[in-house]
Amino acid sequence: MDLFAGIPRGPNQWDGHSTAEKYERLDEATRLLSEQRPDITQQRSS
């Protein structure tokens, strides 16, 4: 759980997404992050 220490805990609701939709969302978030922070992508591919 140490990896998630910065994420606030509290009530939340599942929106009914499927596993496939979850990974589509993660792919999109990763793409957007790599556009905003290309230095992160470059570090990982080295």
PDB file of N, CA and C in Angstrom:
ATOM      1  N   MET A   1       0.808  -1.200   0.000  1.00  0.00           N
ATOM      2  CA  MET A   1       0.000   0.000   0.000  1.00  0.00           C
ATOM      3  C   MET A   1       0.851   1.265   0.000  1.00  0.00           C
ATOM      4  N   ASP A   2       2.148   1.132   0.237  1.00  0.00           N
ATOM      5  CA  ASP A   2       3.006   2.314   0.258  1.00  0.00           C
ATOM      6  C   ASP A   2       2.964   3.080  -1.064  1.00  0.00           C
ATOM      7  N   LEU A   3       2.785   2.374  -2.160  1.00  0.00           N
ATOM      8  CA  LEU A   3       2.740   3.030  -3.464  1.00  0.00           C
ATOM      9  C   LEU A   3       1.535   3.953  -3.606  1.00  0.00           C
ATOM     10  N   PHE A   4       0.509   3.721  -2.804  1.00  0.00           N
ATOM     11  CA  PHE A   4      -0.721   4.497  -2.913  1.00  0.00           C
ATOM     12  C   PHE A   4      -0.889   5.492  -1.772  1.00  0.00           C
ATOM     13  N   ALA A   5       0.180   5.752  -1.038  1.00  0.00           N
ATOM     14  CA  ALA A   5       0.115   6.625   0.138  1.00  0.00           C
ATOM     15  C   ALA A   5      -0.378   8.032  -0.212  1.00  0.00           C
ATOM     16  N   GLY A   6      -0.088   8.522  -1.399  1.00  0.00           N
ATOM     17  CA  GLY A   6      -0.486   9.871  -1.789  1.00  0.00           C
ATOM     18  C   GLY A   6      -1.908   9.994  -2.298  1.00  0.00           C
ATOM     19  N   ILE A   7      -2.596   8.877  -2.409  1.00  0.00           N
ATOM     20  CA  ILE A   7      -3.974   8.897  -2.914  1.00  0.00           C
ATOM     21  C   ILE A   7      -4.925   8.976  -1.728  1.00  0.00           C
ATOM     22  N   PRO A   8      -5.779  10.010  -1.715  1.00  0.00           N
ATOM     23  CA  PRO A   8      -6.685  10.137  -0.577  1.00  0.00           C
ATOM     24  C   PRO A   8      -7.694   8.993  -0.539  1.00  0.00           C
ATOM     25  N   ARG A   9      -7.981   8.530   0.654  1.00  0.00           N
ATOM     26  CA  ARG A   9      -8.980   7.481   0.837  1.00  0.00           C
ATOM     27  C   ARG A   9     -10.310   8.128   1.185  1.00  0.00           C
ATOM     28  N   GLY A  10     -11.352   7.503   0.761  1.00  0.00           N
ATOM     29  CA  GLY A  10     -12.669   8.020   1.075  1.00  0.00           C
ATOM     30  C   GLY A  10     -13.709   7.286   0.267  1.00  0.00           C
ATOM     31  N   PRO A  11     -14.942   7.682   0.428  1.00  0.00           N
ATOM     32  CA  PRO A  11     -16.006   7.010  -0.317  1.00  0.00           C
ATOM     33  C   PRO A  11     -15.826   7.209  -1.822  1.00  0.00           C
ATOM     34  N   ASN A  12     -16.173   6.208  -2.569  1.00  0.00           N
ATOM     35  CA  ASN A  12     -16.144   6.304  -4.028  1.00  0.00           C
ATOM     36  C   ASN A  12     -17.210   5.375  -4.590  1.00  0.00           C
ATOM     37  N   GLN A  13     -17.461   5.507  -5.867  1.00  0.00           N
ATOM     38  CA  GLN A  13     -18.459   4.661  -6.516  1.00  0.00           C
ATOM     39  C   GLN A  13     -17.884   4.100  -7.804  1.00  0.00           C
ATOM     40  N   TRP A  14     -18.172   2.825  -8.038  1.00  0.00           N
ATOM     41  CA  TRP A  14     -17.781   2.179  -9.285  1.00  0.00           C
ATOM     42  C   TRP A  14     -18.763   2.627 -10.364  1.00  0.00           C
ATOM     43  N   ASP A  15     -18.251   2.977 -11.519  1.00  0.00           N
ATOM     44  CA  ASP A  15     -19.111   3.493 -12.583  1.00  0.00           C
ATOM     45  C   ASP A  15     -19.592   2.418 -13.548  1.00  0.00           C
ATOM     46  N   GLY A  16     -19.319   1.166 -13.244  1.00  0.00           N
ATOM     47  CA  GLY A  16     -19.812   0.072 -14.069  1.00  0.00           C
ATOM     48  C   GLY A  16     -18.922  -0.278 -15.249  1.00  0.00           C
ATOM     49  N   HIS A  17     -17.706   0.267 -15.309  1.00  0.00           N
ATOM     50  CA  HIS A  17     -16.828   0.002 -16.449  1.00  0.00           C
ATOM     51  C   HIS A  17     -16.378  -1.460 -16.461  1.00  0.00           C
ATOM     52  N   SER A  18     -16.092  -1.935 -17.656  1.00  0.00           N
ATOM     53  CA  SER A  18     -15.576  -3.300 -17.832  1.00  0.00           C
ATOM     54  C   SER A  18     -14.051  -3.279 -17.693  1.00  0.00           C
ATOM     55  N   THR A  19     -13.468  -4.456 -17.650  1.00  0.00           N
ATOM     56  CA  THR A  19     -12.009  -4.554 -17.599  1.00  0.00           C
ATOM     57  C   THR A  19     -11.396  -3.938 -18.852  1.00  0.00           C
ATOM     58  N   ALA A  20     -11.991  -4.209 -20.009  1.00  0.00           N
ATOM     59  CA  ALA A  20     -11.476  -3.641 -21.264  1.00  0.00           C
ATOM     60  C   ALA A  20     -11.525  -2.115 -21.222  1.00  0.00           C
ATOM     61  N   GLU A  21     -12.628  -1.568 -20.732  1.00  0.00           N
ATOM     62  CA  GLU A  21     -12.755  -0.113 -20.648  1.00  0.00           C
ATOM     63  C   GLU A  21     -11.737   0.465 -19.657  1.00  0.00           C
ATOM     64  N   LYS A  22     -11.472  -0.244 -18.566  1.00  0.00           N
ATOM     65  CA  LYS A  22     -10.472   0.202 -17.595  1.00  0.00           C
ATOM     66  C   LYS A  22      -9.121   0.373 -18.286  1.00  0.00           C
ATOM     67  N   TYR A  23      -8.723  -0.624 -19.075  1.00  0.00           N
ATOM     68  CA  TYR A  23      -7.421  -0.540 -19.732  1.00  0.00           C
ATOM     69  C   TYR A  23      -7.407   0.493 -20.850  1.00  0.00           C
ATOM     70  N   GLU A  24      -8.525   0.723 -21.497  1.00  0.00           N
ATOM     71  CA  GLU A  24      -8.610   1.804 -22.484  1.00  0.00           C
ATOM     72  C   GLU A  24      -8.384   3.150 -21.798  1.00  0.00           C
ATOM     73  N   ARG A  25      -8.982   3.322 -20.627  1.00  0.00           N
ATOM     74  CA  ARG A  25      -8.804   4.563 -19.869  1.00  0.00           C
ATOM     75  C   ARG A  25      -7.350   4.728 -19.433  1.00  0.00           C
ATOM     76  N   LEU A  26      -6.735   3.651 -18.976  1.00  0.00           N
ATOM     77  CA  LEU A  26      -5.328   3.723 -18.578  1.00  0.00           C
ATOM     78  C   LEU A  26      -4.430   4.057 -19.764  1.00  0.00           C
ATOM     79  N   ASP A  27      -4.715   3.460 -20.917  1.00  0.00           N
ATOM     80  CA  ASP A  27      -3.936   3.766 -22.122  1.00  0.00           C
ATOM     81  C   ASP A  27      -4.061   5.246 -22.483  1.00  0.00           C
ATOM     82  N   GLU A  28      -5.262   5.778 -22.412  1.00  0.00           N
ATOM     83  CA  GLU A  28      -5.492   7.182 -22.735  1.00  0.00           C
ATOM     84  C   GLU A  28      -4.787   8.090 -21.728  1.00  0.00           C
ATOM     85  N   ALA A  29      -4.884   7.772 -20.451  1.00  0.00           N
ATOM     86  CA  ALA A  29      -4.216   8.577 -19.428  1.00  0.00           C
ATOM     87  C   ALA A  29      -2.703   8.551 -19.629  1.00  0.00           C
ATOM     88  N   THR A  30      -2.162   7.389 -19.976  1.00  0.00           N
ATOM     89  CA  THR A  30      -0.726   7.262 -20.221  1.00  0.00           C
ATOM     90  C   THR A  30      -0.316   8.085 -21.437  1.00  0.00           C
ATOM     91  N   ARG A  31      -1.127   8.034 -22.487  1.00  0.00           N
ATOM     92  CA  ARG A  31      -0.832   8.813 -23.696  1.00  0.00           C
ATOM     93  C   ARG A  31      -0.814  10.302 -23.380  1.00  0.00           C
ATOM     94  N   LEU A  32      -1.823  10.771 -22.645  1.00  0.00           N
ATOM     95  CA  LEU A  32      -1.895  12.187 -22.300  1.00  0.00           C
ATOM     96  C   LEU A  32      -0.710  12.606 -21.431  1.00  0.00           C
ATOM     97  N   LEU A  33      -0.348  11.766 -20.471  1.00  0.00           N
ATOM     98  CA  LEU A  33       0.794  12.073 -19.614  1.00  0.00           C
ATOM     99  C   LEU A  33       2.077  12.140 -20.427  1.00  0.00           C
ATOM    100  N   SER A  34       2.239  11.224 -21.371  1.00  0.00           N
ATOM    101  CA  SER A  34       3.473  11.218 -22.167  1.00  0.00           C
ATOM    102  C   SER A  34       3.566  12.457 -23.058  1.00  0.00           C
ATOM    103  N   GLU A  35       2.411  13.007 -23.463  1.00  0.00           N
ATOM    104  CA  GLU A  35       2.421  14.249 -24.244  1.00  0.00           C
ATOM    105  C   GLU A  35       2.796  15.440 -23.365  1.00  0.00           C
ATOM    106  N   GLN A  36       2.341  15.422 -22.123  1.00  0.00           N
ATOM    107  CA  GLN A  36       2.621  16.525 -21.203  1.00  0.00           C
ATOM    108  C   GLN A  36       4.024  16.429 -20.622  1.00  0.00           C
ATOM    109  N   ARG A  37       4.515  15.210 -20.436  1.00  0.00           N
ATOM    110  CA  ARG A  37       5.809  14.976 -19.781  1.00  0.00           C
ATOM    111  C   ARG A  37       6.645  13.992 -20.592  1.00  0.00           C
ATOM    112  N   PRO A  38       7.130  14.404 -21.755  1.00  0.00           N
ATOM    113  CA  PRO A  38       7.921  13.476 -22.576  1.00  0.00           C
ATOM    114  C   PRO A  38       9.180  12.982 -21.872  1.00  0.00           C
ATOM    115  N   ASP A  39       9.664  13.736 -20.873  1.00  0.00           N
ATOM    116  CA  ASP A  39      10.849  13.306 -20.141  1.00  0.00           C
ATOM    117  C   ASP A  39      10.609  11.985 -19.419  1.00  0.00           C
ATOM    118  N   ILE A  40       9.391  11.744 -18.979  1.00  0.00           N
ATOM    119  CA  ILE A  40       9.067  10.488 -18.298  1.00  0.00           C
ATOM    120  C   ILE A  40       9.173   9.325 -19.279  1.00  0.00           C
ATOM    121  N   THR A  41       8.608   9.492 -20.456  1.00  0.00           N
ATOM    122  CA  THR A  41       8.628   8.450 -21.471  1.00  0.00           C
ATOM    123  C   THR A  41      10.065   8.147 -21.903  1.00  0.00           C
ATOM    124  N   GLN A  42      10.880   9.183 -22.063  1.00  0.00           N
ATOM    125  CA  GLN A  42      12.263   8.997 -22.480  1.00  0.00           C
ATOM    126  C   GLN A  42      13.051   8.242 -21.421  1.00  0.00           C
ATOM    127  N   GLN A  43      12.811   8.510 -20.151  1.00  0.00           N
ATOM    128  CA  GLN A  43      13.534   7.825 -19.077  1.00  0.00           C
ATOM    129  C   GLN A  43      13.222   6.344 -19.083  1.00  0.00           C
ATOM    130  N   ARG A  44      11.974   5.980 -19.314  1.00  0.00           N
ATOM    131  CA  ARG A  44      11.554   4.581 -19.245  1.00  0.00           C
ATOM    132  C   ARG A  44      12.073   3.787 -20.439  1.00  0.00           C
ATOM    133  N   SER A  45      12.244   4.422 -21.569  1.00  0.00           N
ATOM    134  CA  SER A  45      12.670   3.678 -22.755  1.00  0.00           C
ATOM    135  C   SER A  45      14.184   3.575 -22.861  1.00  0.00           C
ATOM    136  N   SER A  46      14.917   4.223 -21.974  1.00  0.00           N
ATOM    137  CA  SER A  46      16.392   4.177 -22.019  1.00  0.00           C
ATOM    138  C   SER A  46      16.906   2.877 -21.460  1.00  0.00           C
TER     139      SER A  46
END
